[in-house]
N, C-alpha and C. Protein backbone atom coordinates (compact mmCIF):
# COMPACT_ATOMS: atom_id res chain seq x y z
N MET A 1 62.43 -52.30 47.22
CA MET A 1 62.08 -53.46 48.03
C MET A 1 61.01 -53.11 49.06
N LYS A 2 60.92 -51.83 49.39
CA LYS A 2 59.97 -51.42 50.41
C LYS A 2 58.52 -51.59 49.92
N ASN A 3 58.30 -51.43 48.62
CA ASN A 3 56.95 -51.53 48.06
C ASN A 3 56.59 -52.94 47.60
N LEU A 4 57.47 -53.91 47.83
CA LEU A 4 57.23 -55.27 47.36
C LEU A 4 55.96 -55.88 47.96
N PRO A 5 55.70 -55.79 49.26
CA PRO A 5 54.46 -56.37 49.79
C PRO A 5 53.20 -55.73 49.17
N LYS A 6 53.23 -54.44 48.95
CA LYS A 6 52.10 -53.75 48.34
C LYS A 6 51.90 -54.22 46.90
N LEU A 7 53.00 -54.41 46.17
CA LEU A 7 52.93 -54.89 44.80
C LEU A 7 52.38 -56.31 44.74
N LEU A 8 52.86 -57.16 45.64
CA LEU A 8 52.37 -58.54 45.67
C LEU A 8 50.88 -58.60 46.01
N LYS A 9 50.45 -57.75 46.92
CA LYS A 9 49.04 -57.71 47.28
C LYS A 9 48.21 -57.26 46.09
N ARG A 10 48.66 -56.26 45.38
CA ARG A 10 47.94 -55.75 44.22
C ARG A 10 47.89 -56.81 43.12
N LEU A 11 49.00 -57.49 42.87
CA LEU A 11 49.02 -58.55 41.87
C LEU A 11 48.11 -59.71 42.25
N SER A 12 48.04 -60.01 43.53
CA SER A 12 47.15 -61.07 44.00
C SER A 12 45.69 -60.71 43.74
N VAL A 13 45.34 -59.48 44.01
CA VAL A 13 43.96 -59.03 43.78
C VAL A 13 43.63 -59.09 42.29
N VAL A 14 44.55 -58.65 41.46
CA VAL A 14 44.33 -58.69 40.01
C VAL A 14 44.18 -60.13 39.54
N PHE A 15 45.02 -61.01 40.02
CA PHE A 15 44.94 -62.42 39.64
C PHE A 15 43.60 -63.03 40.05
N ILE A 16 43.15 -62.73 41.25
CA ILE A 16 41.87 -63.25 41.73
C ILE A 16 40.72 -62.72 40.88
N LEU A 17 40.75 -61.45 40.53
CA LEU A 17 39.70 -60.88 39.69
C LEU A 17 39.68 -61.53 38.31
N ILE A 18 40.85 -61.76 37.74
CA ILE A 18 40.93 -62.43 36.44
C ILE A 18 40.36 -63.84 36.54
N ALA A 19 40.68 -64.54 37.61
CA ALA A 19 40.17 -65.90 37.80
C ALA A 19 38.64 -65.89 37.93
N ILE A 20 38.09 -64.93 38.65
CA ILE A 20 36.64 -64.84 38.82
C ILE A 20 35.96 -64.58 37.48
N VAL A 21 36.53 -63.67 36.70
CA VAL A 21 35.95 -63.37 35.38
C VAL A 21 36.02 -64.60 34.48
N ALA A 22 37.13 -65.33 34.53
CA ALA A 22 37.26 -66.53 33.70
C ALA A 22 36.24 -67.59 34.10
N VAL A 23 36.06 -67.81 35.38
CA VAL A 23 35.08 -68.81 35.85
C VAL A 23 33.66 -68.38 35.47
N ALA A 24 33.37 -67.10 35.61
CA ALA A 24 32.03 -66.60 35.25
C ALA A 24 31.80 -66.79 33.76
N GLY A 25 32.80 -66.53 32.95
CA GLY A 25 32.67 -66.72 31.50
C GLY A 25 32.43 -68.17 31.14
N LEU A 26 33.13 -69.06 31.79
CA LEU A 26 32.93 -70.49 31.53
C LEU A 26 31.55 -70.92 31.97
N GLY A 27 31.08 -70.39 33.07
CA GLY A 27 29.74 -70.72 33.56
C GLY A 27 28.66 -70.28 32.59
N CYS A 28 28.84 -69.13 31.97
CA CYS A 28 27.85 -68.66 30.99
C CYS A 28 27.82 -69.58 29.78
N HIS A 29 28.98 -70.01 29.32
CA HIS A 29 29.02 -70.91 28.18
C HIS A 29 28.38 -72.25 28.54
N THR A 30 28.58 -72.70 29.74
CA THR A 30 27.99 -73.96 30.18
C THR A 30 26.47 -73.85 30.22
N ALA A 31 25.95 -72.76 30.77
CA ALA A 31 24.50 -72.56 30.84
C ALA A 31 23.93 -72.43 29.43
N ASN A 32 24.64 -71.77 28.55
CA ASN A 32 24.19 -71.62 27.17
C ASN A 32 24.14 -72.98 26.50
N GLY A 33 25.14 -73.80 26.71
CA GLY A 33 25.16 -75.14 26.14
C GLY A 33 24.05 -76.01 26.69
N PHE A 34 23.77 -75.88 27.97
CA PHE A 34 22.68 -76.63 28.60
C PHE A 34 21.34 -76.23 28.00
N GLY A 35 21.16 -74.95 27.79
CA GLY A 35 19.92 -74.45 27.18
C GLY A 35 19.75 -75.00 25.77
N GLN A 36 20.83 -75.05 25.03
CA GLN A 36 20.78 -75.59 23.66
C GLN A 36 20.46 -77.08 23.70
N ASP A 37 21.04 -77.81 24.64
CA ASP A 37 20.75 -79.25 24.78
C ASP A 37 19.28 -79.47 25.10
N MET A 38 18.72 -78.66 26.00
CA MET A 38 17.31 -78.80 26.36
C MET A 38 16.42 -78.48 25.16
N LYS A 39 16.78 -77.48 24.40
CA LYS A 39 16.03 -77.13 23.20
C LYS A 39 16.04 -78.28 22.21
N ASP A 40 17.21 -78.86 22.01
CA ASP A 40 17.34 -79.99 21.08
C ASP A 40 16.54 -81.20 21.58
N ALA A 41 16.54 -81.45 22.88
CA ALA A 41 15.77 -82.56 23.44
C ALA A 41 14.28 -82.33 23.22
N GLY A 42 13.82 -81.13 23.46
CA GLY A 42 12.41 -80.79 23.24
C GLY A 42 12.00 -80.96 21.78
N GLN A 43 12.91 -80.55 20.90
CA GLN A 43 12.64 -80.70 19.46
C GLN A 43 12.56 -82.18 19.10
N GLY A 44 13.42 -83.00 19.68
CA GLY A 44 13.38 -84.44 19.42
C GLY A 44 12.08 -85.06 19.91
N ILE A 45 11.60 -84.61 21.06
CA ILE A 45 10.33 -85.13 21.59
C ILE A 45 9.17 -84.72 20.66
N GLN A 46 9.19 -83.48 20.22
CA GLN A 46 8.14 -83.02 19.31
C GLN A 46 8.16 -83.80 18.00
N ASN A 47 9.34 -84.05 17.47
CA ASN A 47 9.45 -84.81 16.23
C ASN A 47 8.99 -86.26 16.42
N GLY A 48 9.21 -86.80 17.61
CA GLY A 48 8.82 -88.18 17.91
C GLY A 48 7.32 -88.35 18.04
N THR A 49 6.61 -87.28 18.38
CA THR A 49 5.16 -87.40 18.57
C THR A 49 4.39 -87.17 17.28
N LYS A 50 5.04 -86.79 16.22
CA LYS A 50 4.36 -86.53 14.95
C LYS A 50 4.11 -87.80 14.18
């Protein structure tokens, strides 16, 4: 029981790190999807001008 506060603190840090990595991963997928959408839009504009 004496080490419980230390364990909770360590688990909290691990949980926060996991959350940060998850959010960063989702952000990368979102940016990748946005880039693909912009590419598709540009392709549509090019096809429309032909």
